[in-house]
């Protein structure tokens, strides 16, 4: 669709009749194609080279499982409390089947990350079936929120949601 839209734009002189308009649309096209290439190929290849392996799976109360993941051949990533990451298991990052989960581990330790996952659907019901040393992919962290950004936090009250 994008290619057909660009062909239409460049074949119709209403959009690119003047040289500056043509240069503008060429610039837009290059930025669009570059963004698509980065997000759909380059970034996913980088994720493929930074896998995690399942270390432990512990059942918590109810139908909640805490999964500890260890970076495989890389340092992992820094995160802050309140952030989340996308988890892809049983597939590659190219499959576009990631699922978001909050990071439940200590943010000061980089040697592992933990996610506590409640059984609520098709994917979450299978997380307990992950095997130790299984390769998974983690994309994150996301969301920029935390009490570190506020000078006076003694009067804050936080009510957590989720599990």
C-alpha atoms as a PDB file:
ATOM      1  CA  UNK A   1       0.000   0.000   0.000  1.00  0.00           C
ATOM      2  CA  UNK A   2       2.788   2.378   0.871  1.00  0.00           C
ATOM      3  CA  UNK A   3       4.540   1.752  -2.439  1.00  0.00           C
ATOM      4  CA  UNK A   4       1.305   2.325  -4.367  1.00  0.00           C
ATOM      5  CA  UNK A   5       0.638   5.544  -2.434  1.00  0.00           C
ATOM      6  CA  UNK A   6       4.137   6.815  -3.236  1.00  0.00           C
ATOM      7  CA  UNK A   7       3.712   5.933  -6.924  1.00  0.00           C
ATOM      8  CA  UNK A   8       0.419   7.854  -6.928  1.00  0.00           C
ATOM      9  CA  UNK A   9       2.037  10.874  -5.266  1.00  0.00           C
ATOM     10  CA  UNK A  10       4.927  11.013  -7.727  1.00  0.00           C
ATOM     11  CA  UNK A  11       2.791  10.332 -10.818  1.00  0.00           C
ATOM     12  CA  UNK A  12       0.247  13.019  -9.889  1.00  0.00           C
ATOM     13  CA  UNK A  13       1.735  16.478 -10.419  1.00  0.00           C
ATOM     14  CA  UNK A  14      -0.601  18.082  -7.863  1.00  0.00           C
ATOM     15  CA  UNK A  15       1.604  16.822  -5.033  1.00  0.00           C
ATOM     16  CA  UNK A  16       5.091  17.163  -6.543  1.00  0.00           C
ATOM     17  CA  UNK A  17       4.704  19.795  -9.264  1.00  0.00           C
ATOM     18  CA  UNK A  18       7.252  22.142  -7.734  1.00  0.00           C
ATOM     19  CA  UNK A  19      10.862  21.114  -7.040  1.00  0.00           C
ATOM     20  CA  UNK A  20      10.609  21.849  -3.306  1.00  0.00           C
ATOM     21  CA  UNK A  21       7.476  19.678  -3.070  1.00  0.00           C
ATOM     22  CA  UNK A  22       9.262  16.838  -4.865  1.00  0.00           C
ATOM     23  CA  UNK A  23      12.245  17.159  -2.479  1.00  0.00           C
ATOM     24  CA  UNK A  24       9.888  17.209   0.511  1.00  0.00           C
ATOM     25  CA  UNK A  25       8.078  14.032  -0.613  1.00  0.00           C
ATOM     26  CA  UNK A  26      11.368  12.291  -1.396  1.00  0.00           C
ATOM     27  CA  UNK A  27      12.525  13.173   2.133  1.00  0.00           C
ATOM     28  CA  UNK A  28       9.258  11.883   3.620  1.00  0.00           C
ATOM     29  CA  UNK A  29       9.589   8.670   1.626  1.00  0.00           C
ATOM     30  CA  UNK A  30      13.175   8.071   2.750  1.00  0.00           C
ATOM     31  CA  UNK A  31      12.241   8.706   6.405  1.00  0.00           C
ATOM     32  CA  UNK A  32       9.233   6.370   6.157  1.00  0.00           C
ATOM     33  CA  UNK A  33      11.198   3.571   4.528  1.00  0.00           C
ATOM     34  CA  UNK A  34      14.067   4.052   6.991  1.00  0.00           C
ATOM     35  CA  UNK A  35      11.685   3.879   9.940  1.00  0.00           C
ATOM     36  CA  UNK A  36      10.048   0.734   8.585  1.00  0.00           C
ATOM     37  CA  UNK A  37      13.434  -0.879   7.941  1.00  0.00           C
ATOM     38  CA  UNK A  38      14.648  -0.042  11.446  1.00  0.00           C
ATOM     39  CA  UNK A  39      11.524  -1.122  13.355  1.00  0.00           C
ATOM     40  CA  UNK A  40      10.754  -4.243  11.321  1.00  0.00           C
ATOM     41  CA  UNK A  41      14.267  -5.557  10.595  1.00  0.00           C
ATOM     42  CA  UNK A  42      17.243  -3.879  12.288  1.00  0.00           C
ATOM     43  CA  UNK A  43      15.737  -3.538  15.786  1.00  0.00           C
ATOM     44  CA  UNK A  44      14.408  -7.108  15.709  1.00  0.00           C
ATOM     45  CA  UNK A  45      17.815  -8.421  14.638  1.00  0.00           C
ATOM     46  CA  UNK A  46      19.315  -6.631  17.648  1.00  0.00           C
ATOM     47  CA  UNK A  47      16.757  -8.342  19.897  1.00  0.00           C
ATOM     48  CA  UNK A  48      17.660 -11.703  18.353  1.00  0.00           C
ATOM     49  CA  UNK A  49      21.284 -11.145  19.429  1.00  0.00           C
ATOM     50  CA  UNK A  50      20.280 -10.324  23.020  1.00  0.00           C
ATOM     51  CA  UNK A  51      18.153 -13.277  24.161  1.00  0.00           C
ATOM     52  CA  UNK A  52      17.332 -14.215  27.717  1.00  0.00           C
ATOM     53  CA  UNK A  53      17.061 -17.695  29.135  1.00  0.00           C
ATOM     54  CA  UNK A  54      14.505 -18.898  31.635  1.00  0.00           C
ATOM     55  CA  UNK A  55      16.231 -19.569  34.936  1.00  0.00           C
ATOM     56  CA  UNK A  56      13.374 -20.440  37.281  1.00  0.00           C
ATOM     57  CA  UNK A  57       9.580 -20.524  37.286  1.00  0.00           C
ATOM     58  CA  UNK A  58       7.957 -20.263  40.710  1.00  0.00           C
ATOM     59  CA  UNK A  59       4.273 -20.544  41.492  1.00  0.00           C
ATOM     60  CA  UNK A  60       3.000 -17.774  43.724  1.00  0.00           C
ATOM     61  CA  UNK A  61      -0.421 -17.607  45.383  1.00  0.00           C
ATOM     62  CA  UNK A  62      -3.338 -18.448  43.145  1.00  0.00           C
ATOM     63  CA  UNK A  63      -2.617 -18.731  39.447  1.00  0.00           C
ATOM     64  CA  UNK A  64       0.422 -16.422  39.386  1.00  0.00           C
ATOM     65  CA  UNK A  65       3.841 -17.537  38.171  1.00  0.00           C
ATOM     66  CA  UNK A  66       7.077 -15.575  38.648  1.00  0.00           C
ATOM     67  CA  UNK A  67       9.567 -16.132  35.873  1.00  0.00           C
ATOM     68  CA  UNK A  68      13.228 -15.267  36.419  1.00  0.00           C
ATOM     69  CA  UNK A  69      15.112 -14.512  33.212  1.00  0.00           C
ATOM     70  CA  UNK A  70      18.882 -14.251  32.868  1.00  0.00           C
ATOM     71  CA  UNK A  71      20.587 -12.341  30.027  1.00  0.00           C
ATOM     72  CA  UNK A  72      22.385 -14.724  27.684  1.00  0.00           C
ATOM     73  CA  UNK A  73      25.757 -13.375  26.506  1.00  0.00           C
ATOM     74  CA  UNK A  74      24.929  -9.725  27.271  1.00  0.00           C
ATOM     75  CA  UNK A  75      24.584  -7.415  30.283  1.00  0.00           C
ATOM     76  CA  UNK A  76      20.793  -7.056  30.315  1.00  0.00           C
ATOM     77  CA  UNK A  77      19.233  -3.638  30.765  1.00  0.00           C
ATOM     78  CA  UNK A  78      18.645  -1.050  33.473  1.00  0.00           C
ATOM     79  CA  UNK A  79      15.091  -0.323  34.506  1.00  0.00           C
ATOM     80  CA  UNK A  80      13.190   1.597  37.136  1.00  0.00           C
ATOM     81  CA  UNK A  81      10.320   0.427  39.338  1.00  0.00           C
ATOM     82  CA  UNK A  82       7.018   0.755  37.483  1.00  0.00           C
ATOM     83  CA  UNK A  83       8.382  -0.074  34.039  1.00  0.00           C
ATOM     84  CA  UNK A  84       7.371  -3.009  31.843  1.00  0.00           C
ATOM     85  CA  UNK A  85       8.856  -5.062  29.023  1.00  0.00           C
ATOM     86  CA  UNK A  86       7.516  -7.108  26.121  1.00  0.00           C
ATOM     87  CA  UNK A  87       8.088 -10.864  26.362  1.00  0.00           C
ATOM     88  CA  UNK A  88       8.263 -13.197  23.351  1.00  0.00           C
ATOM     89  CA  UNK A  89       8.438 -16.920  24.080  1.00  0.00           C
ATOM     90  CA  UNK A  90       8.452 -19.979  21.787  1.00  0.00           C
ATOM     91  CA  UNK A  91       9.013 -17.749  18.743  1.00  0.00           C
ATOM     92  CA  UNK A  92      11.375 -15.105  17.380  1.00  0.00           C
ATOM     93  CA  UNK A  93      10.890 -11.329  17.683  1.00  0.00           C
ATOM     94  CA  UNK A  94       9.923 -11.353  13.987  1.00  0.00           C
ATOM     95  CA  UNK A  95       6.715 -13.259  14.805  1.00  0.00           C
ATOM     96  CA  UNK A  96       5.126 -10.102  16.312  1.00  0.00           C
ATOM     97  CA  UNK A  97       3.572 -12.029  19.216  1.00  0.00           C
ATOM     98  CA  UNK A  98       5.037 -10.251  22.200  1.00  0.00           C
ATOM     99  CA  UNK A  99       3.133  -9.679  25.439  1.00  0.00           C
ATOM    100  CA  UNK A 100       3.644  -6.839  27.971  1.00  0.00           C
ATOM    101  CA  UNK A 101       4.445  -7.605  31.614  1.00  0.00           C
ATOM    102  CA  UNK A 102       5.593  -5.469  34.527  1.00  0.00           C
ATOM    103  CA  UNK A 103       9.127  -5.977  35.753  1.00  0.00           C
ATOM    104  CA  UNK A 104       8.786  -7.385  39.261  1.00  0.00           C
ATOM    105  CA  UNK A 105      12.436  -7.782  40.233  1.00  0.00           C
ATOM    106  CA  UNK A 106      14.821  -5.479  42.043  1.00  0.00           C
ATOM    107  CA  UNK A 107      15.741  -2.630  39.691  1.00  0.00           C
ATOM    108  CA  UNK A 108      19.235  -2.381  41.192  1.00  0.00           C
ATOM    109  CA  UNK A 109      20.240  -5.873  40.055  1.00  0.00           C
ATOM    110  CA  UNK A 110      21.095  -6.358  36.389  1.00  0.00           C
ATOM    111  CA  UNK A 111      22.000 -10.036  36.492  1.00  0.00           C
ATOM    112  CA  UNK A 112      18.348 -11.103  36.116  1.00  0.00           C
ATOM    113  CA  UNK A 113      14.826  -9.790  35.636  1.00  0.00           C
ATOM    114  CA  UNK A 114      11.592 -11.221  36.967  1.00  0.00           C
ATOM    115  CA  UNK A 115       8.028 -10.987  35.727  1.00  0.00           C
ATOM    116  CA  UNK A 116       5.030 -12.142  37.752  1.00  0.00           C
ATOM    117  CA  UNK A 117       2.340 -13.332  35.351  1.00  0.00           C
ATOM    118  CA  UNK A 118      -1.233 -14.171  36.250  1.00  0.00           C
ATOM    119  CA  UNK A 119      -3.084 -16.843  34.255  1.00  0.00           C
ATOM    120  CA  UNK A 120      -5.766 -14.795  32.490  1.00  0.00           C
ATOM    121  CA  UNK A 121      -5.692 -15.832  28.848  1.00  0.00           C
ATOM    122  CA  UNK A 122      -4.257 -17.976  26.078  1.00  0.00           C
ATOM    123  CA  UNK A 123      -0.646 -16.807  26.429  1.00  0.00           C
ATOM    124  CA  UNK A 124      -0.544 -16.319  30.194  1.00  0.00           C
ATOM    125  CA  UNK A 125      -1.938 -19.814  30.760  1.00  0.00           C
ATOM    126  CA  UNK A 126       1.110 -21.262  28.987  1.00  0.00           C
ATOM    127  CA  UNK A 127       3.829 -19.320  30.822  1.00  0.00           C
ATOM    128  CA  UNK A 128       3.976 -22.003  33.499  1.00  0.00           C
ATOM    129  CA  UNK A 129       5.081 -24.423  30.756  1.00  0.00           C
ATOM    130  CA  UNK A 130       8.287 -22.532  30.027  1.00  0.00           C
ATOM    131  CA  UNK A 131      11.334 -24.729  30.558  1.00  0.00           C
ATOM    132  CA  UNK A 132      14.528 -23.877  32.381  1.00  0.00           C
ATOM    133  CA  UNK A 133      17.220 -22.664  29.935  1.00  0.00           C
ATOM    134  CA  UNK A 134      14.559 -21.955  27.265  1.00  0.00           C
ATOM    135  CA  UNK A 135      15.413 -18.947  25.103  1.00  0.00           C
ATOM    136  CA  UNK A 136      13.009 -15.993  25.224  1.00  0.00           C
ATOM    137  CA  UNK A 137      13.239 -12.401  24.015  1.00  0.00           C
ATOM    138  CA  UNK A 138      12.629  -9.315  26.143  1.00  0.00           C
ATOM    139  CA  UNK A 139      12.071  -5.870  24.657  1.00  0.00           C
ATOM    140  CA  UNK A 140      12.169  -3.030  27.112  1.00  0.00           C
ATOM    141  CA  UNK A 141      12.021  -1.297  29.442  1.00  0.00           C
ATOM    142  CA  UNK A 142       9.131   1.005  28.611  1.00  0.00           C
ATOM    143  CA  UNK A 143       7.214   3.779  30.444  1.00  0.00           C
ATOM    144  CA  UNK A 144       9.025   6.559  32.205  1.00  0.00           C
ATOM    145  CA  UNK A 145       7.433   6.763  35.623  1.00  0.00           C
ATOM    146  CA  UNK A 146       8.843   6.610  39.116  1.00  0.00           C
ATOM    147  CA  UNK A 147       9.162   8.463  42.373  1.00  0.00           C
ATOM    148  CA  UNK A 148      12.778   9.331  41.561  1.00  0.00           C
ATOM    149  CA  UNK A 149      11.463  12.182  39.378  1.00  0.00           C
ATOM    150  CA  UNK A 150       9.713  13.936  42.277  1.00  0.00           C
ATOM    151  CA  UNK A 151      11.611  15.791  45.036  1.00  0.00           C
ATOM    152  CA  UNK A 152       9.034  15.379  47.851  1.00  0.00           C
ATOM    153  CA  UNK A 153       7.684  11.831  47.867  1.00  0.00           C
ATOM    154  CA  UNK A 154       6.952  11.494  51.579  1.00  0.00           C
ATOM    155  CA  UNK A 155       3.358  12.613  51.024  1.00  0.00           C
ATOM    156  CA  UNK A 156       2.698  10.325  48.038  1.00  0.00           C
ATOM    157  CA  UNK A 157       0.360   7.359  48.304  1.00  0.00           C
ATOM    158  CA  UNK A 158       0.515   4.689  45.613  1.00  0.00           C
ATOM    159  CA  UNK A 159      -2.254   2.171  45.036  1.00  0.00           C
ATOM    160  CA  UNK A 160      -0.971  -0.602  42.781  1.00  0.00           C
ATOM    161  CA  UNK A 161      -3.184  -2.315  40.252  1.00  0.00           C
ATOM    162  CA  UNK A 162      -2.864  -5.554  38.355  1.00  0.00           C
ATOM    163  CA  UNK A 163      -1.730  -8.687  40.119  1.00  0.00           C
END
